[in-house]
Amino acid sequence: MTSTSAWVSYLSKVELPVLANTLRRINELTDNSNSTVNELANVILNDAQLTSQVLRLSNTVFYNQTRTQVSTVSRAITLIGFDAVKSMAISSLIVDSLLKRNDRPHLLHCLARAIHAAVQARCLLPKRNEQALEEVFIGALLMNIGELAFWSCDTEQASELEQELRLETPAIEAQKSIIHSTFTDITRGLVDAWALGPFIKDVVAPGKANSKASSLVRHSVEMAKLSEHGWRGADMDAVLEQLGDDIGEPPATVRDHVKVNAGEAARVAVSLGIPQVTALMPGSNSDEGATATHAPEVDPNLQLQILRDLTHSLTDKPDINEVCQLVIEGIHRAVGMQRVALLMTDKSGHTLIPRKLGGKGTENWKDSFRISKDGTGKLGALLPHASCYIYQPKRKSEPVEYDRWLGQVPALVGPLKAKGRLVGLFYADNAAADYVPSDQQLTAFSHFVQNAQLCLTMLSGQ
């Protein structure tokens, strides 16, 4: 690819045709008839993962302030609104389509920035009608779609550009040299090719924005990028003043708002199923802080809800499969761990192998993830202690062939025992976002594992 048009064609037709077509279909829909509402529901229901994500988002305070439980897509559209569900579908599609292809650090950083900017734009918008709220959210999310799409692809140019940026070559210079275009130009090409609509076209167009809403989106994206280095500085002061002009507020008030909104952005990232990017977002409580490197907070409400489901399962007829599936979901969603596995002893009695998996990036684990119970092999160090603990690699050893992160990053590990013998373990990590899990996460993880242990103990005694 040696031109912008070549990259746009390649990304649209070779790398991301399904994403391009689905985004085009969703963006063609406008809330003007019941048939269109049904069409939106059908687009979502055709994808089980997308349905799950939309329903999860529909039950978050960010979208559903009434806290009325939503269990169907049709109900979500009726209760929360057409544009809000459309927004959820687009954001979920972007996250799932790109991250399942690659976990490159540059992609994670871009996703973190896009989600942060989108939440900021939506929360700052003064005229809060539903269509405008979702318009600025999606505008900020997709303002750098060219860069997101590029980093999701496993191309030679992506590896070359990654290396060049490591050498601190100016970004635009490196892009022109290696991809013979710029991310901005590719974004403009994709906005046209994927028919993303006039508002986003205005947001990414050169020159002055044509509306306050477009200006708000541009400045929200710029502010999100600057915030990765802290909330202070001349550049940050300037963009906060510009945001103040966009929404009619003094810069000091805007600064207070954006710090609070940063915390909301982290919660939205967890709801989207990518808690690992919260470590790449700015801390909402720090005046000086640089990029946050701490683990995301546990969701206490979701944790309580899943623990209640577990208690109900245990008081009825205990089913180890049902209990372990709930534990996997609890560790993934409430504890905030990206990848989760339950490993159990195989027929030989000498090796632990996967029985249940959860989260992106675990597809290859089923046939390959193995831990010898004698502690030998590359992953022998993952064998659990007497109780749940935080595994931290002592040194960077050679990774296993099928996964670059297993054994290389901090993780949560907990044992399952039957009559005093180790028969299984729960394992959870955050892949590329290799921050150390917090004590709060360890405690929540332990609660879930204890429920699985209780079920196993009850069944062993029968």
Protein backbone atom coordinates (compact mmCIF):
# COMPACT_ATOMS: atom_id res chain seq x y z
CA MET A 1 0.00 0.00 0.00
CA THR A 2 1.62 3.22 -1.16
CA SER A 3 -1.26 5.72 -0.94
CA THR A 4 -4.21 6.73 1.20
CA SER A 5 -6.71 5.21 -1.23
CA ALA A 6 -4.81 1.91 -1.24
CA TRP A 7 -4.91 1.74 2.57
CA VAL A 8 -8.63 2.62 2.64
CA SER A 9 -9.37 -0.11 0.10
CA TYR A 10 -7.19 -2.66 1.91
CA LEU A 11 -8.71 -1.98 5.33
CA SER A 12 -12.26 -1.95 3.95
CA LYS A 13 -12.13 -4.98 1.65
CA VAL A 14 -9.38 -7.22 3.02
CA GLU A 15 -8.89 -6.63 6.74
CA LEU A 16 -12.20 -5.30 8.09
CA PRO A 17 -15.02 -5.91 5.56
CA VAL A 18 -17.48 -7.25 8.16
CA LEU A 19 -16.92 -4.27 10.46
CA ALA A 20 -17.20 -1.85 7.54
CA ASN A 21 -20.45 -3.36 6.28
CA THR A 22 -22.07 -3.62 9.72
CA LEU A 23 -21.16 -0.02 10.63
CA ARG A 24 -22.53 1.12 7.27
CA ARG A 25 -25.82 -0.73 7.90
CA ILE A 26 -26.22 0.68 11.40
CA ASN A 27 -25.41 4.22 10.32
CA GLU A 28 -27.97 4.05 7.53
CA LEU A 29 -30.69 3.51 10.13
CA THR A 30 -32.44 6.55 11.59
CA ASP A 31 -35.17 6.52 14.20
CA ASN A 32 -38.11 7.32 11.94
CA SER A 33 -40.32 4.22 12.03
CA ASN A 34 -41.03 0.99 13.89
CA SER A 35 -39.57 -0.96 10.98
CA THR A 36 -36.26 0.83 11.45
CA VAL A 37 -36.27 -0.02 15.16
CA ASN A 38 -36.85 -3.64 14.21
CA GLU A 39 -34.00 -3.46 11.70
CA LEU A 40 -31.62 -2.19 14.37
CA ALA A 41 -32.70 -4.97 16.73
CA ASN A 42 -32.15 -7.54 13.97
CA VAL A 43 -28.65 -6.26 13.19
CA ILE A 44 -27.73 -6.63 16.86
CA LEU A 45 -29.44 -10.00 17.36
CA ASN A 46 -27.57 -11.48 14.39
CA ASP A 47 -24.39 -11.32 16.50
CA ALA A 48 -24.54 -13.12 19.87
CA GLN A 49 -21.49 -11.30 21.23
CA LEU A 50 -22.88 -7.92 20.17
CA THR A 51 -26.25 -8.75 21.77
CA SER A 52 -24.52 -9.63 25.03
CA GLN A 53 -22.48 -6.42 25.01
CA VAL A 54 -25.47 -4.19 24.24
CA LEU A 55 -27.51 -5.76 27.05
CA ARG A 56 -24.60 -5.37 29.46
CA LEU A 57 -24.26 -1.67 28.57
CA SER A 58 -28.04 -1.23 28.77
CA ASN A 59 -27.88 -2.11 32.45
CA THR A 60 -25.14 0.38 33.34
CA VAL A 61 -25.84 3.73 35.02
CA PHE A 62 -24.05 5.50 32.16
CA TYR A 63 -26.91 4.64 29.79
CA ASN A 64 -29.70 3.50 32.11
CA GLN A 65 -30.09 5.96 34.96
CA THR A 66 -33.49 4.52 35.90
CA ARG A 67 -31.70 1.23 36.78
CA THR A 68 -34.64 -0.69 35.35
CA GLN A 69 -33.37 -4.17 34.46
CA VAL A 70 -33.16 -4.74 30.69
CA SER A 71 -33.05 -8.29 29.35
CA THR A 72 -33.93 -7.94 25.64
CA VAL A 73 -32.69 -5.72 22.82
CA SER A 74 -36.22 -4.60 21.96
CA ARG A 75 -36.80 -3.55 25.58
CA ALA A 76 -33.48 -1.67 25.56
CA ILE A 77 -34.52 0.33 22.48
CA THR A 78 -37.91 1.13 24.05
CA LEU A 79 -36.60 2.06 27.49
CA ILE A 80 -33.24 3.69 26.74
CA GLY A 81 -33.80 4.95 23.22
CA PHE A 82 -32.93 4.17 19.63
CA ASP A 83 -29.87 6.40 19.43
CA ALA A 84 -28.41 5.15 22.71
CA VAL A 85 -28.69 1.50 21.61
CA LYS A 86 -27.25 2.43 18.23
CA SER A 87 -24.33 4.06 20.06
CA MET A 88 -23.81 0.97 22.22
CA ALA A 89 -23.82 -1.27 19.15
CA ILE A 90 -21.22 0.85 17.34
CA SER A 91 -18.89 1.11 20.33
CA SER A 92 -19.18 -2.63 21.03
CA LEU A 93 -18.50 -3.47 17.39
CA ILE A 94 -15.40 -1.30 17.31
CA VAL A 95 -13.97 -2.83 20.47
CA ASP A 96 -14.75 -6.46 19.62
CA SER A 97 -13.80 -6.31 15.94
CA LEU A 98 -10.43 -4.66 16.54
CA LEU A 99 -9.28 -6.31 19.77
CA LYS A 100 -10.01 -9.87 18.68
CA ARG A 101 -7.53 -9.31 15.85
CA ASN A 102 -4.64 -7.91 17.87
CA ASP A 103 -3.55 -6.89 21.36
CA ARG A 104 -0.79 -4.58 20.17
CA PRO A 105 0.00 -1.93 22.84
CA HIS A 106 -0.57 0.91 20.35
CA LEU A 107 -4.09 -0.39 19.68
CA LEU A 108 -4.85 -0.58 23.39
CA HIS A 109 -3.62 2.99 23.89
CA CYS A 110 -5.74 4.22 20.97
CA LEU A 111 -8.84 2.43 22.27
CA ALA A 112 -8.31 3.85 25.77
CA ARG A 113 -7.99 7.35 24.33
CA ALA A 114 -11.04 6.93 22.07
CA ILE A 115 -13.30 5.68 24.87
CA HIS A 116 -12.04 8.40 27.23
CA ALA A 117 -12.68 11.12 24.63
CA ALA A 118 -16.12 9.72 23.77
CA VAL A 119 -17.25 9.71 27.41
CA GLN A 120 -15.86 13.23 27.93
CA ALA A 121 -17.74 14.60 24.90
CA ARG A 122 -21.00 12.97 25.96
CA CYS A 123 -20.73 14.12 29.58
CA LEU A 124 -19.68 17.68 28.70
CA LEU A 125 -22.36 18.33 26.08
CA PRO A 126 -24.68 20.99 27.54
CA LYS A 127 -27.76 20.25 25.40
CA ARG A 128 -28.55 16.75 26.46
CA ASN A 129 -31.09 15.42 23.98
CA GLU A 130 -30.51 11.76 23.22
CA GLN A 131 -29.50 12.11 19.56
CA ALA A 132 -26.92 14.82 20.29
CA LEU A 133 -25.45 12.85 23.20
CA GLU A 134 -24.85 9.77 21.12
CA GLU A 135 -23.69 11.80 18.11
CA VAL A 136 -20.79 13.36 20.01
CA PHE A 137 -19.98 10.05 21.73
CA ILE A 138 -19.63 8.18 18.44
CA GLY A 139 -17.93 11.18 16.81
CA ALA A 140 -15.16 11.12 19.40
CA LEU A 141 -14.94 7.33 19.36
CA LEU A 142 -14.44 7.24 15.59
CA MET A 143 -12.41 10.43 15.13
CA ASN A 144 -9.24 8.33 14.85
CA ILE A 145 -10.75 5.21 13.23
CA GLY A 146 -7.92 5.15 10.67
CA GLU A 147 -5.31 4.77 13.41
CA LEU A 148 -7.42 2.17 15.25
CA ALA A 149 -7.94 0.13 12.08
CA PHE A 150 -4.24 0.32 11.15
CA TRP A 151 -2.99 -0.94 14.52
CA SER A 152 -5.50 -3.80 14.54
CA CYS A 153 -3.83 -5.32 11.47
CA ASP A 154 -0.83 -7.60 11.69
CA THR A 155 1.06 -6.05 8.77
CA GLU A 156 4.76 -5.50 8.12
CA GLN A 157 4.12 -1.75 8.04
CA ALA A 158 2.55 -1.85 11.50
CA SER A 159 5.63 -3.57 12.93
CA GLU A 160 7.94 -1.14 11.12
CA LEU A 161 6.02 1.90 12.34
CA GLU A 162 5.95 0.53 15.87
CA GLN A 163 9.75 0.23 15.78
CA GLU A 164 10.16 3.72 14.29
CA LEU A 165 7.99 5.29 16.99
CA ARG A 166 10.08 3.51 19.62
CA LEU A 167 13.04 5.48 18.26
CA GLU A 168 11.00 8.65 18.94
CA THR A 169 10.71 9.62 15.28
CA PRO A 170 8.00 12.32 14.97
CA ALA A 171 4.68 10.56 14.36
CA ILE A 172 3.65 12.29 11.11
CA GLU A 173 7.13 11.90 9.63
CA ALA A 174 7.17 8.20 10.50
CA GLN A 175 3.70 7.64 9.04
CA LYS A 176 4.56 9.31 5.74
CA SER A 177 7.81 7.40 5.48
CA ILE A 178 6.42 3.93 6.18
CA ILE A 179 2.76 3.93 5.10
CA HIS A 180 2.99 6.77 2.55
CA SER A 181 -0.02 8.42 4.15
CA THR A 182 -1.14 9.66 7.56
CA PHE A 183 -3.66 8.29 10.03
CA THR A 184 -5.71 11.47 9.58
CA ASP A 185 -5.96 10.97 5.81
CA ILE A 186 -6.83 7.28 6.21
CA THR A 187 -9.54 8.23 8.73
CA ARG A 188 -11.10 10.68 6.28
CA GLY A 189 -11.05 8.01 3.59
CA LEU A 190 -12.69 5.43 5.85
CA VAL A 191 -15.39 7.89 6.98
CA ASP A 192 -16.40 8.24 3.31
CA ALA A 193 -15.96 4.57 2.37
CA TRP A 194 -17.87 3.29 5.39
CA ALA A 195 -20.59 5.98 5.13
CA LEU A 196 -20.19 7.03 8.75
CA GLY A 197 -22.35 10.11 8.32
CA PRO A 198 -22.15 13.90 7.92
CA PHE A 199 -21.42 14.68 11.58
CA ILE A 200 -18.29 12.52 11.74
CA LYS A 201 -17.29 13.81 8.31
CA ASP A 202 -17.37 17.34 9.74
CA VAL A 203 -15.43 16.27 12.83
CA VAL A 204 -12.53 14.84 10.78
CA ALA A 205 -12.59 17.48 8.02
CA PRO A 206 -9.70 19.97 7.76
CA GLY A 207 -10.28 23.55 8.83
CA LYS A 208 -12.61 25.04 11.40
CA ALA A 209 -15.45 22.95 12.83
CA ASN A 210 -18.91 23.83 11.50
CA SER A 211 -20.69 23.45 14.86
CA LYS A 212 -20.11 23.67 18.59
CA ALA A 213 -20.72 19.93 18.81
CA SER A 214 -18.00 19.16 16.26
CA SER A 215 -15.63 21.51 18.05
CA LEU A 216 -16.43 19.81 21.38
CA VAL A 217 -15.55 16.42 19.91
CA ARG A 218 -12.23 17.64 18.48
CA HIS A 219 -11.21 19.28 21.74
CA SER A 220 -12.34 16.26 23.79
CA VAL A 221 -10.06 14.01 21.71
CA GLU A 222 -7.15 16.44 22.10
CA MET A 223 -7.77 16.72 25.85
CA ALA A 224 -7.91 12.92 26.26
CA LYS A 225 -4.52 12.63 24.59
CA LEU A 226 -2.95 15.37 26.74
CA SER A 227 -4.42 13.93 29.94
CA GLU A 228 -2.21 10.85 29.54
CA HIS A 229 0.59 13.09 30.82
CA GLY A 230 -1.39 14.72 33.63
CA TRP A 231 -4.03 17.42 34.12
CA ARG A 232 -1.59 20.36 34.26
CA GLY A 233 0.51 22.23 31.71
CA ALA A 234 0.18 25.00 29.15
CA ASP A 235 -1.26 22.73 26.43
CA MET A 236 -3.86 21.30 28.81
CA ASP A 237 -4.80 24.79 30.02
CA ALA A 238 -5.30 25.88 26.42
CA VAL A 239 -7.55 22.96 25.47
CA LEU A 240 -9.60 23.35 28.67
CA GLU A 241 -10.18 26.97 27.71
CA GLN A 242 -11.32 25.84 24.26
CA LEU A 243 -13.65 23.27 25.83
CA GLY A 244 -14.98 26.05 28.06
CA ASP A 245 -15.85 28.08 24.95
CA ASP A 246 -17.59 25.02 23.46
CA ILE A 247 -19.87 24.50 26.47
CA GLY A 248 -20.04 27.97 28.03
CA GLU A 249 -18.14 27.17 31.23
CA PRO A 250 -14.96 28.66 32.80
CA PRO A 251 -11.78 26.52 32.42
CA ALA A 252 -11.57 25.81 36.16
CA THR A 253 -15.06 24.30 36.11
CA VAL A 254 -14.23 22.28 33.01
CA ARG A 255 -11.11 20.91 34.73
CA ASP A 256 -13.24 19.68 37.62
CA HIS A 257 -15.73 18.08 35.23
CA VAL A 258 -13.16 16.24 33.12
CA LYS A 259 -11.48 14.67 36.15
CA VAL A 260 -14.80 13.21 37.27
CA ASN A 261 -15.60 12.12 33.71
CA ALA A 262 -12.28 10.24 33.51
CA GLY A 263 -13.53 7.93 36.25
CA GLU A 264 -16.75 7.38 34.29
CA ALA A 265 -14.69 6.53 31.20
CA ALA A 266 -12.91 3.78 33.14
CA ARG A 267 -16.26 2.28 34.16
CA VAL A 268 -17.50 2.36 30.56
CA ALA A 269 -14.34 0.54 29.44
CA VAL A 270 -15.04 -2.21 31.99
CA SER A 271 -18.66 -2.43 30.76
CA LEU A 272 -17.36 -2.81 27.20
CA GLY A 273 -15.37 -5.82 28.34
CA ILE A 274 -11.90 -4.24 28.14
CA PRO A 275 -10.92 -3.47 31.75
CA GLN A 276 -7.25 -3.69 30.76
CA VAL A 277 -7.36 -0.26 29.08
CA THR A 278 -8.36 1.50 32.30
CA ALA A 279 -4.70 1.30 33.33
CA LEU A 280 -3.94 3.47 30.28
CA MET A 281 -6.42 6.18 31.27
CA PRO A 282 -5.59 9.14 33.52
CA GLY A 283 -6.35 8.91 37.24
CA SER A 284 -9.46 10.90 38.03
CA ASN A 285 -8.26 11.97 41.49
CA SER A 286 -4.77 13.25 40.70
CA ASP A 287 -3.85 16.81 39.88
CA GLU A 288 -0.36 15.96 38.77
CA GLY A 289 -0.49 12.27 37.97
CA ALA A 290 0.70 10.77 34.77
CA THR A 291 -0.91 7.78 33.12
CA ALA A 292 -2.61 5.50 35.61
CA THR A 293 -0.88 2.16 36.11
CA HIS A 294 -3.15 0.70 38.77
CA ALA A 295 -5.73 -2.03 38.42
CA PRO A 296 -9.38 -1.14 37.73
CA GLU A 297 -11.74 -1.08 40.69
CA VAL A 298 -13.94 -4.04 41.41
CA ASP A 299 -17.64 -3.54 40.55
CA PRO A 300 -19.27 -4.23 43.97
CA ASN A 301 -22.85 -4.22 42.67
CA LEU A 302 -22.14 -6.71 39.91
CA GLN A 303 -20.05 -8.80 42.31
CA LEU A 304 -22.94 -8.96 44.78
CA GLN A 305 -25.40 -9.86 42.02
CA ILE A 306 -23.28 -12.77 40.76
CA LEU A 307 -22.50 -13.98 44.30
CA ARG A 308 -26.26 -14.08 44.96
CA ASP A 309 -26.70 -16.21 41.84
CA LEU A 310 -23.95 -18.49 43.11
CA THR A 311 -25.60 -18.80 46.53
CA HIS A 312 -28.88 -19.70 44.85
CA SER A 313 -27.11 -22.37 42.76
CA LEU A 314 -25.52 -23.87 45.87
CA THR A 315 -28.75 -23.98 47.91
CA ASP A 316 -30.58 -25.76 45.12
CA LYS A 317 -29.02 -28.87 43.52
CA PRO A 318 -25.34 -27.94 43.13
CA ASP A 319 -24.13 -28.19 39.54
CA ILE A 320 -20.37 -27.79 39.31
CA ASN A 321 -20.55 -26.68 35.65
CA GLU A 322 -23.10 -23.96 36.37
CA VAL A 323 -21.22 -22.75 39.46
CA CYS A 324 -17.86 -22.63 37.67
CA GLN A 325 -19.39 -20.77 34.72
CA LEU A 326 -20.77 -18.13 37.13
CA VAL A 327 -17.35 -17.90 38.80
CA ILE A 328 -15.66 -17.38 35.42
CA GLU A 329 -18.14 -14.62 34.57
CA GLY A 330 -17.73 -13.01 37.99
CA ILE A 331 -13.92 -12.91 37.72
CA HIS A 332 -14.14 -11.54 34.18
CA ARG A 333 -16.84 -8.92 34.66
CA ALA A 334 -16.96 -7.96 38.35
CA VAL A 335 -13.29 -8.41 39.28
CA GLY A 336 -12.21 -6.84 35.98
CA MET A 337 -9.83 -9.49 34.64
CA GLN A 338 -9.57 -9.74 30.86
CA ARG A 339 -8.79 -13.45 30.51
CA VAL A 340 -9.99 -16.22 32.81
CA ALA A 341 -9.56 -19.99 32.80
CA LEU A 342 -10.56 -22.94 34.94
CA LEU A 343 -8.09 -25.80 34.60
CA MET A 344 -8.82 -29.28 35.97
CA THR A 345 -6.81 -32.50 36.20
CA ASP A 346 -6.78 -34.59 33.03
CA LYS A 347 -7.35 -38.36 32.85
CA SER A 348 -3.69 -39.09 33.59
CA GLY A 349 -3.91 -37.18 36.86
CA HIS A 350 -0.60 -35.43 36.14
CA THR A 351 -1.62 -32.35 34.14
CA LEU A 352 -4.07 -29.47 34.53
CA ILE A 353 -5.94 -28.62 31.32
CA PRO A 354 -8.63 -26.00 30.51
CA ARG A 355 -12.24 -26.87 31.24
CA LYS A 356 -13.80 -23.41 30.99
CA LEU A 357 -12.49 -20.22 29.40
CA GLY A 358 -13.63 -16.61 29.39
CA GLY A 359 -12.53 -13.38 27.70
CA LYS A 360 -10.74 -12.32 24.54
CA GLY A 361 -7.48 -13.99 23.66
CA THR A 362 -8.26 -17.40 25.18
CA GLU A 363 -9.15 -19.17 21.91
CA ASN A 364 -5.82 -21.03 21.69
CA TRP A 365 -5.80 -22.08 25.33
CA LYS A 366 -8.20 -25.00 24.95
CA ASP A 367 -5.76 -27.16 22.99
CA SER A 368 -2.48 -25.75 24.30
CA PHE A 369 -2.65 -24.39 27.89
CA ARG A 370 -1.10 -27.10 30.10
CA ILE A 371 0.36 -27.01 33.62
CA SER A 372 2.25 -30.03 34.98
CA LYS A 373 1.24 -30.79 38.55
CA ASP A 374 4.87 -31.54 39.42
CA GLY A 375 5.78 -27.91 38.72
CA THR A 376 7.94 -28.57 35.68
CA GLY A 377 7.68 -26.84 32.30
CA LYS A 378 7.39 -23.19 31.30
CA LEU A 379 4.18 -22.67 33.29
CA GLY A 380 5.01 -24.75 36.34
CA ALA A 381 5.45 -21.59 38.40
CA LEU A 382 1.70 -20.94 38.04
CA LEU A 383 0.83 -23.81 40.37
CA PRO A 384 -1.21 -22.25 43.18
CA HIS A 385 -0.28 -21.82 46.83
CA ALA A 386 -2.49 -23.08 49.66
CA SER A 387 -4.87 -20.18 48.97
CA CYS A 388 -5.58 -17.60 46.28
CA TYR A 389 -2.64 -15.32 45.52
CA ILE A 390 -1.21 -12.78 43.08
CA TYR A 391 1.32 -14.43 40.76
CA GLN A 392 4.20 -12.16 39.77
CA PRO A 393 6.85 -13.40 37.34
CA LYS A 394 10.27 -13.23 38.96
CA ARG A 395 12.01 -12.76 35.63
CA LYS A 396 11.10 -12.56 31.98
CA SER A 397 11.47 -16.13 30.71
CA GLU A 398 10.76 -17.42 27.23
CA PRO A 399 7.00 -17.28 26.61
CA VAL A 400 4.99 -20.27 25.47
CA GLU A 401 4.54 -20.51 21.70
CA TYR A 402 0.76 -20.06 21.66
CA ASP A 403 0.45 -17.01 23.96
CA ARG A 404 2.94 -14.19 24.56
CA TRP A 405 1.54 -13.25 28.00
CA LEU A 406 1.01 -16.52 29.91
CA GLY A 407 3.56 -16.74 32.69
CA GLN A 408 5.00 -13.37 31.68
CA VAL A 409 2.54 -11.02 33.39
CA PRO A 410 0.99 -10.70 36.87
CA ALA A 411 -2.07 -12.88 37.38
CA LEU A 412 -4.57 -14.12 39.95
CA VAL A 413 -4.37 -17.84 40.75
CA GLY A 414 -6.55 -19.89 43.09
CA PRO A 415 -6.61 -23.62 43.90
CA LEU A 416 -9.45 -26.13 43.83
CA LYS A 417 -9.01 -29.16 46.07
CA ALA A 418 -10.87 -32.42 46.65
CA LYS A 419 -10.10 -34.27 49.88
CA GLY A 420 -6.88 -32.29 50.28
CA ARG A 421 -5.56 -32.94 46.78
CA LEU A 422 -5.12 -30.26 44.09
CA VAL A 423 -7.59 -31.03 41.31
CA GLY A 424 -7.85 -27.69 39.58
CA LEU A 425 -7.11 -23.97 39.55
CA PHE A 426 -8.60 -20.68 38.42
CA TYR A 427 -6.25 -18.41 36.47
CA ALA A 428 -6.90 -14.77 35.43
CA ASP A 429 -4.70 -12.12 33.81
CA ASN A 430 -4.93 -8.91 31.79
CA ALA A 431 -2.60 -9.77 28.91
CA ALA A 432 -0.90 -6.66 27.50
CA ALA A 433 -2.07 -4.45 30.37
CA ASP A 434 0.28 -6.26 32.73
CA TYR A 435 -0.28 -4.20 35.90
CA VAL A 436 -0.31 -6.04 39.20
CA PRO A 437 -3.86 -6.92 40.33
CA SER A 438 -4.94 -4.99 43.42
CA ASP A 439 -5.59 -6.43 46.88
CA GLN A 440 -9.26 -5.55 46.31
CA GLN A 441 -9.25 -7.66 43.15
CA LEU A 442 -7.55 -10.53 44.97
CA THR A 443 -10.21 -10.45 47.72
CA ALA A 444 -13.07 -10.46 45.19
CA PHE A 445 -11.35 -13.23 43.18
CA SER A 446 -11.01 -15.29 46.38
CA HIS A 447 -14.74 -14.93 47.13
CA PHE A 448 -15.64 -16.36 43.74
CA VAL A 449 -13.13 -19.22 43.96
CA GLN A 450 -14.42 -20.10 47.46
CA ASN A 451 -17.89 -20.66 46.00
CA ALA A 452 -16.50 -23.10 43.44
CA GLN A 453 -14.55 -24.84 46.23
CA LEU A 454 -17.70 -25.07 48.36
CA CYS A 455 -19.61 -26.70 45.51
CA LEU A 456 -16.79 -29.17 44.87
CA THR A 457 -16.59 -30.01 48.60
CA MET A 458 -20.34 -30.60 48.78
CA LEU A 459 -20.22 -32.92 45.77
CA SER A 460 -17.14 -34.76 47.08
CA GLY A 461 -18.98 -35.49 50.32
CA GLN A 462 -22.00 -37.02 48.60
